[in-house]
Every structure is written in structure tokens, then in C-alpha cells.
């Protein structure tokens, strides 16, 4: 446990993982460091598998003020990197149906 907000409960962790899959981005809200907020998006390879991520971290107040813009910009960057690795967005629906 790094801070009072670090997720240590297994049920809460699985709930957060389900939310990440649903939103297609992750948030660390002071889980590692008080006052630090991080948003991350996946990078897919040519098979549709998540192989990496790209993220931005900063002071919670500033990150919250710009949350939607940051998610949008990060998603665009993650999508561009994924496409350059051969990822085709339709693969995601195929991967989820298996």
C-alpha cells in the first residue's frame, strides 16, 4: 500500500479492471503518490492484443480540470501507435467475442 487510496481489496481491484476495460482507459487517482493523478490508454499490436500503454501524470487538480481533453488526446495517440503496429480497430470486437 503506497497511499490511503491504493487499491488493496481484491474485489475492488476486479471492479476497477472491469471499469478500465469498459472505458478503454485507466486512471490512478493518488494510488501511488498523494496529489498525483494518472490517465493511461492501451496500445494494441497487429493481433489486437494489448502490449503496452501510454500515459500522462500530473497534479490531480490540473488533470481533473482537463480530464476529457487528456483522455481524448491520449486515445488518439494510442490509436495512432496501435495502427502503426498493424492494429485494425475491428479486431477489438473480435477479441472480445472470443
N, C-alpha and C. Protein backbone atom coordinates (compact mmCIF):
# COMPACT_ATOMS: atom_id res chain seq x y z
N UNK A 1 0.85 -1.18 0.00
CA UNK A 1 0.00 0.00 0.00
C UNK A 1 0.89 1.24 0.00
N UNK A 2 0.70 2.10 -1.01
CA UNK A 2 1.53 3.30 -1.14
C UNK A 2 0.87 4.52 -0.49
N UNK A 3 -0.46 4.63 -0.63
CA UNK A 3 -1.21 5.75 -0.05
C UNK A 3 -2.53 5.20 0.51
N UNK A 4 -3.31 6.07 1.10
CA UNK A 4 -4.62 5.66 1.61
C UNK A 4 -5.56 5.28 0.47
N UNK A 5 -5.27 5.71 -0.76
CA UNK A 5 -6.13 5.41 -1.90
C UNK A 5 -5.65 4.21 -2.73
N UNK A 6 -4.54 3.59 -2.33
CA UNK A 6 -4.07 2.41 -3.04
C UNK A 6 -5.09 1.29 -2.90
N UNK A 7 -5.46 0.69 -4.02
CA UNK A 7 -6.42 -0.41 -4.00
C UNK A 7 -5.72 -1.67 -3.51
N UNK A 8 -6.21 -2.22 -2.42
CA UNK A 8 -5.63 -3.45 -1.86
C UNK A 8 -6.67 -4.56 -1.74
N UNK A 9 -7.92 -4.23 -1.91
CA UNK A 9 -9.00 -5.21 -1.82
C UNK A 9 -9.20 -5.89 -3.18
N UNK A 10 -9.20 -7.20 -3.20
CA UNK A 10 -9.31 -7.96 -4.44
C UNK A 10 -10.60 -7.65 -5.20
N UNK A 11 -11.71 -7.56 -4.51
CA UNK A 11 -12.99 -7.26 -5.16
C UNK A 11 -12.96 -5.88 -5.81
N UNK A 12 -12.45 -4.91 -5.08
CA UNK A 12 -12.33 -3.55 -5.62
C UNK A 12 -11.39 -3.52 -6.83
N UNK A 13 -10.32 -4.30 -6.79
CA UNK A 13 -9.40 -4.37 -7.92
C UNK A 13 -10.10 -4.91 -9.16
N UNK A 14 -10.86 -5.99 -9.01
CA UNK A 14 -11.58 -6.55 -10.15
C UNK A 14 -12.64 -5.59 -10.68
N UNK A 15 -13.27 -4.83 -9.79
CA UNK A 15 -14.23 -3.81 -10.23
C UNK A 15 -13.53 -2.73 -11.05
N UNK A 16 -12.36 -2.31 -10.59
CA UNK A 16 -11.59 -1.29 -11.32
C UNK A 16 -11.13 -1.82 -12.68
N UNK A 17 -10.69 -3.07 -12.73
CA UNK A 17 -10.28 -3.67 -14.01
C UNK A 17 -11.44 -3.73 -14.99
N UNK A 18 -12.63 -4.06 -14.50
CA UNK A 18 -13.82 -4.09 -15.36
C UNK A 18 -14.13 -2.68 -15.88
N UNK A 19 -13.99 -1.68 -15.03
CA UNK A 19 -14.23 -0.30 -15.45
C UNK A 19 -13.21 0.14 -16.50
N UNK A 20 -11.96 -0.26 -16.32
CA UNK A 20 -10.91 0.07 -17.28
C UNK A 20 -11.24 -0.54 -18.64
N UNK A 21 -11.63 -1.80 -18.64
CA UNK A 21 -12.00 -2.46 -19.91
C UNK A 21 -13.19 -1.77 -20.56
N UNK A 22 -14.14 -1.36 -19.76
CA UNK A 22 -15.34 -0.68 -20.28
C UNK A 22 -15.01 0.69 -20.85
N UNK A 23 -14.20 1.46 -20.14
CA UNK A 23 -13.85 2.83 -20.57
C UNK A 23 -12.76 2.86 -21.63
N UNK A 24 -11.96 1.82 -21.69
CA UNK A 24 -10.79 1.71 -22.56
C UNK A 24 -9.68 2.70 -22.16
N UNK A 25 -9.67 3.08 -20.91
CA UNK A 25 -8.57 3.85 -20.33
C UNK A 25 -8.55 3.61 -18.83
N UNK A 26 -7.40 3.86 -18.22
CA UNK A 26 -7.24 3.65 -16.78
C UNK A 26 -6.91 4.97 -16.09
N UNK A 27 -7.27 5.05 -14.83
CA UNK A 27 -6.98 6.23 -14.01
C UNK A 27 -6.33 5.76 -12.71
N UNK A 28 -5.27 6.44 -12.32
CA UNK A 28 -4.68 6.24 -11.00
C UNK A 28 -4.91 7.55 -10.25
N UNK A 29 -5.84 7.52 -9.31
CA UNK A 29 -6.21 8.71 -8.54
C UNK A 29 -5.53 8.66 -7.18
N UNK A 30 -4.29 9.12 -7.13
CA UNK A 30 -3.49 9.18 -5.91
C UNK A 30 -3.20 7.80 -5.31
N UNK A 31 -3.20 6.75 -6.14
CA UNK A 31 -2.93 5.41 -5.64
C UNK A 31 -1.45 5.16 -5.38
N UNK A 32 -0.58 5.90 -6.06
CA UNK A 32 0.86 5.73 -5.88
C UNK A 32 1.50 6.86 -5.08
N UNK A 33 0.95 8.06 -5.24
CA UNK A 33 1.54 9.24 -4.61
C UNK A 33 0.43 10.24 -4.31
N UNK A 34 0.34 10.78 -3.09
CA UNK A 34 -0.68 11.78 -2.81
C UNK A 34 -0.56 12.98 -3.75
N UNK A 35 -1.69 13.40 -4.29
CA UNK A 35 -1.72 14.55 -5.18
C UNK A 35 -1.43 14.23 -6.63
N UNK A 36 -1.02 12.98 -6.94
CA UNK A 36 -0.68 12.60 -8.31
C UNK A 36 -1.83 11.85 -8.96
N UNK A 37 -2.16 12.23 -10.18
CA UNK A 37 -3.26 11.65 -10.95
C UNK A 37 -2.70 11.22 -12.30
N UNK A 38 -3.05 10.02 -12.75
CA UNK A 38 -2.51 9.49 -13.99
C UNK A 38 -3.64 8.91 -14.84
N UNK A 39 -3.56 9.13 -16.14
CA UNK A 39 -4.51 8.56 -17.09
C UNK A 39 -3.69 7.79 -18.11
N UNK A 40 -4.09 6.55 -18.42
CA UNK A 40 -3.37 5.73 -19.37
C UNK A 40 -4.31 5.04 -20.34
N UNK A 41 -3.83 4.82 -21.56
CA UNK A 41 -4.61 4.13 -22.60
C UNK A 41 -3.78 2.98 -23.17
N UNK A 42 -4.46 1.96 -23.69
CA UNK A 42 -3.74 0.80 -24.21
C UNK A 42 -3.15 1.03 -25.59
N UNK A 43 -2.13 0.24 -25.90
CA UNK A 43 -1.57 0.15 -27.25
C UNK A 43 -1.69 -1.31 -27.66
N UNK A 44 -2.31 -1.52 -28.83
CA UNK A 44 -2.57 -2.87 -29.33
C UNK A 44 -1.58 -3.22 -30.43
N UNK A 45 -1.25 -4.52 -30.55
CA UNK A 45 -0.42 -4.95 -31.67
C UNK A 45 -1.31 -5.42 -32.82
N UNK A 46 -0.70 -5.98 -33.83
CA UNK A 46 -1.44 -6.37 -35.04
C UNK A 46 -2.46 -7.48 -34.80
N UNK A 47 -2.34 -8.21 -33.68
CA UNK A 47 -3.31 -9.26 -33.37
C UNK A 47 -4.47 -8.73 -32.53
N UNK A 48 -4.37 -7.47 -32.12
CA UNK A 48 -5.40 -6.88 -31.27
C UNK A 48 -5.10 -6.99 -29.79
N UNK A 49 -3.99 -7.62 -29.46
CA UNK A 49 -3.61 -7.80 -28.06
C UNK A 49 -2.99 -6.52 -27.50
N UNK A 50 -3.33 -6.18 -26.25
CA UNK A 50 -2.71 -5.03 -25.60
C UNK A 50 -1.29 -5.42 -25.22
N UNK A 51 -0.33 -4.65 -25.73
CA UNK A 51 1.08 -4.96 -25.49
C UNK A 51 1.81 -3.86 -24.72
N UNK A 52 1.17 -2.70 -24.58
CA UNK A 52 1.80 -1.58 -23.90
C UNK A 52 0.73 -0.56 -23.56
N UNK A 53 1.17 0.54 -23.00
CA UNK A 53 0.26 1.64 -22.69
C UNK A 53 1.03 2.94 -22.80
N UNK A 54 0.26 4.01 -22.93
CA UNK A 54 0.83 5.36 -22.91
C UNK A 54 0.03 6.14 -21.87
N UNK A 55 0.72 6.96 -21.09
CA UNK A 55 0.01 7.65 -20.01
C UNK A 55 0.55 9.06 -19.80
N UNK A 56 -0.23 9.82 -19.06
CA UNK A 56 0.15 11.17 -18.65
C UNK A 56 -0.16 11.29 -17.16
N UNK A 57 0.77 11.86 -16.41
CA UNK A 57 0.59 12.07 -14.98
C UNK A 57 0.79 13.54 -14.65
N UNK A 58 0.12 13.98 -13.61
CA UNK A 58 0.29 15.35 -13.18
C UNK A 58 -0.46 15.61 -11.89
N UNK A 59 -0.42 16.87 -11.43
CA UNK A 59 -1.15 17.22 -10.22
C UNK A 59 -2.65 16.95 -10.41
N UNK A 60 -3.27 16.38 -9.41
CA UNK A 60 -4.67 15.97 -9.50
C UNK A 60 -5.58 17.11 -9.96
N UNK A 61 -5.43 18.27 -9.40
CA UNK A 61 -6.32 19.39 -9.74
C UNK A 61 -6.26 19.73 -11.23
N UNK A 62 -5.05 19.85 -11.76
CA UNK A 62 -4.91 20.20 -13.19
C UNK A 62 -5.36 19.06 -14.09
N UNK A 63 -5.09 17.83 -13.69
CA UNK A 63 -5.50 16.69 -14.50
C UNK A 63 -7.03 16.58 -14.53
N UNK A 64 -7.67 16.80 -13.39
CA UNK A 64 -9.13 16.73 -13.34
C UNK A 64 -9.77 17.82 -14.18
N UNK A 65 -9.19 19.01 -14.16
CA UNK A 65 -9.72 20.12 -14.94
C UNK A 65 -9.71 19.82 -16.44
N UNK A 66 -8.76 19.02 -16.87
CA UNK A 66 -8.58 18.72 -18.29
C UNK A 66 -8.79 17.25 -18.62
N UNK A 67 -9.48 16.52 -17.76
CA UNK A 67 -9.63 15.07 -17.88
C UNK A 67 -10.10 14.64 -19.26
N UNK A 68 -11.20 15.19 -19.74
CA UNK A 68 -11.76 14.76 -21.03
C UNK A 68 -10.82 15.05 -22.20
N UNK A 69 -10.16 16.19 -22.17
CA UNK A 69 -9.22 16.54 -23.23
C UNK A 69 -8.03 15.58 -23.20
N UNK A 70 -7.54 15.29 -22.01
CA UNK A 70 -6.39 14.39 -21.89
C UNK A 70 -6.75 12.99 -22.37
N UNK A 71 -7.92 12.49 -21.98
CA UNK A 71 -8.35 11.17 -22.43
C UNK A 71 -8.45 11.14 -23.95
N UNK A 72 -9.02 12.18 -24.53
CA UNK A 72 -9.18 12.25 -25.98
C UNK A 72 -7.83 12.26 -26.69
N UNK A 73 -6.91 13.12 -26.23
CA UNK A 73 -5.59 13.21 -26.86
C UNK A 73 -4.80 11.91 -26.69
N UNK A 74 -4.84 11.34 -25.50
CA UNK A 74 -4.14 10.07 -25.27
C UNK A 74 -4.71 8.95 -26.13
N UNK A 75 -6.02 8.91 -26.23
CA UNK A 75 -6.67 7.88 -27.05
C UNK A 75 -6.25 8.01 -28.50
N UNK A 76 -6.20 9.23 -29.00
CA UNK A 76 -5.74 9.45 -30.38
C UNK A 76 -4.30 8.98 -30.55
N UNK A 77 -3.44 9.30 -29.59
CA UNK A 77 -2.04 8.88 -29.67
C UNK A 77 -1.92 7.35 -29.59
N UNK A 78 -2.66 6.74 -28.67
CA UNK A 78 -2.63 5.29 -28.54
C UNK A 78 -3.15 4.60 -29.79
N UNK A 79 -4.21 5.15 -30.37
CA UNK A 79 -4.77 4.59 -31.61
C UNK A 79 -3.77 4.70 -32.76
N UNK A 80 -3.10 5.83 -32.87
CA UNK A 80 -2.12 6.02 -33.94
C UNK A 80 -0.95 5.02 -33.81
N UNK A 81 -0.44 4.88 -32.60
CA UNK A 81 0.65 3.93 -32.38
C UNK A 81 0.18 2.51 -32.70
N UNK A 82 -1.02 2.17 -32.23
CA UNK A 82 -1.58 0.84 -32.49
C UNK A 82 -1.73 0.57 -33.99
N UNK A 83 -2.24 1.55 -34.71
CA UNK A 83 -2.41 1.38 -36.16
C UNK A 83 -1.06 1.20 -36.85
N UNK A 84 -0.05 1.90 -36.38
CA UNK A 84 1.29 1.75 -36.97
C UNK A 84 1.88 0.37 -36.67
N UNK A 85 1.36 -0.28 -35.63
CA UNK A 85 1.79 -1.63 -35.30
C UNK A 85 0.93 -2.68 -36.02
N UNK A 86 0.00 -2.21 -36.86
CA UNK A 86 -0.82 -3.13 -37.64
C UNK A 86 -2.18 -3.43 -37.06
N UNK A 87 -2.54 -2.76 -35.98
CA UNK A 87 -3.84 -2.99 -35.35
C UNK A 87 -4.97 -2.41 -36.19
N UNK A 88 -6.02 -3.19 -36.35
CA UNK A 88 -7.23 -2.75 -37.02
C UNK A 88 -8.32 -2.72 -35.96
N UNK A 89 -8.98 -1.57 -35.72
CA UNK A 89 -9.95 -1.46 -34.62
C UNK A 89 -11.03 -2.55 -34.59
N UNK A 90 -11.40 -3.11 -35.72
CA UNK A 90 -12.41 -4.17 -35.71
C UNK A 90 -11.92 -5.40 -34.96
N UNK A 91 -10.60 -5.54 -34.82
CA UNK A 91 -10.04 -6.68 -34.09
C UNK A 91 -10.49 -6.69 -32.63
N UNK A 92 -10.71 -5.51 -32.08
CA UNK A 92 -11.11 -5.41 -30.67
C UNK A 92 -12.43 -6.13 -30.45
N UNK A 93 -13.40 -5.90 -31.35
CA UNK A 93 -14.70 -6.57 -31.20
C UNK A 93 -14.53 -8.08 -31.36
N UNK A 94 -13.66 -8.49 -32.27
CA UNK A 94 -13.41 -9.92 -32.47
C UNK A 94 -12.76 -10.52 -31.22
N UNK A 95 -11.77 -9.83 -30.66
CA UNK A 95 -11.08 -10.32 -29.48
C UNK A 95 -12.05 -10.47 -28.31
N UNK A 96 -12.98 -9.50 -28.15
CA UNK A 96 -13.93 -9.52 -27.03
C UNK A 96 -14.95 -10.64 -27.19
N UNK A 97 -15.26 -11.02 -28.42
CA UNK A 97 -16.28 -12.04 -28.64
C UNK A 97 -15.74 -13.45 -28.44
N UNK A 98 -14.42 -13.61 -28.36
CA UNK A 98 -13.83 -14.94 -28.19
C UNK A 98 -13.79 -15.37 -26.77
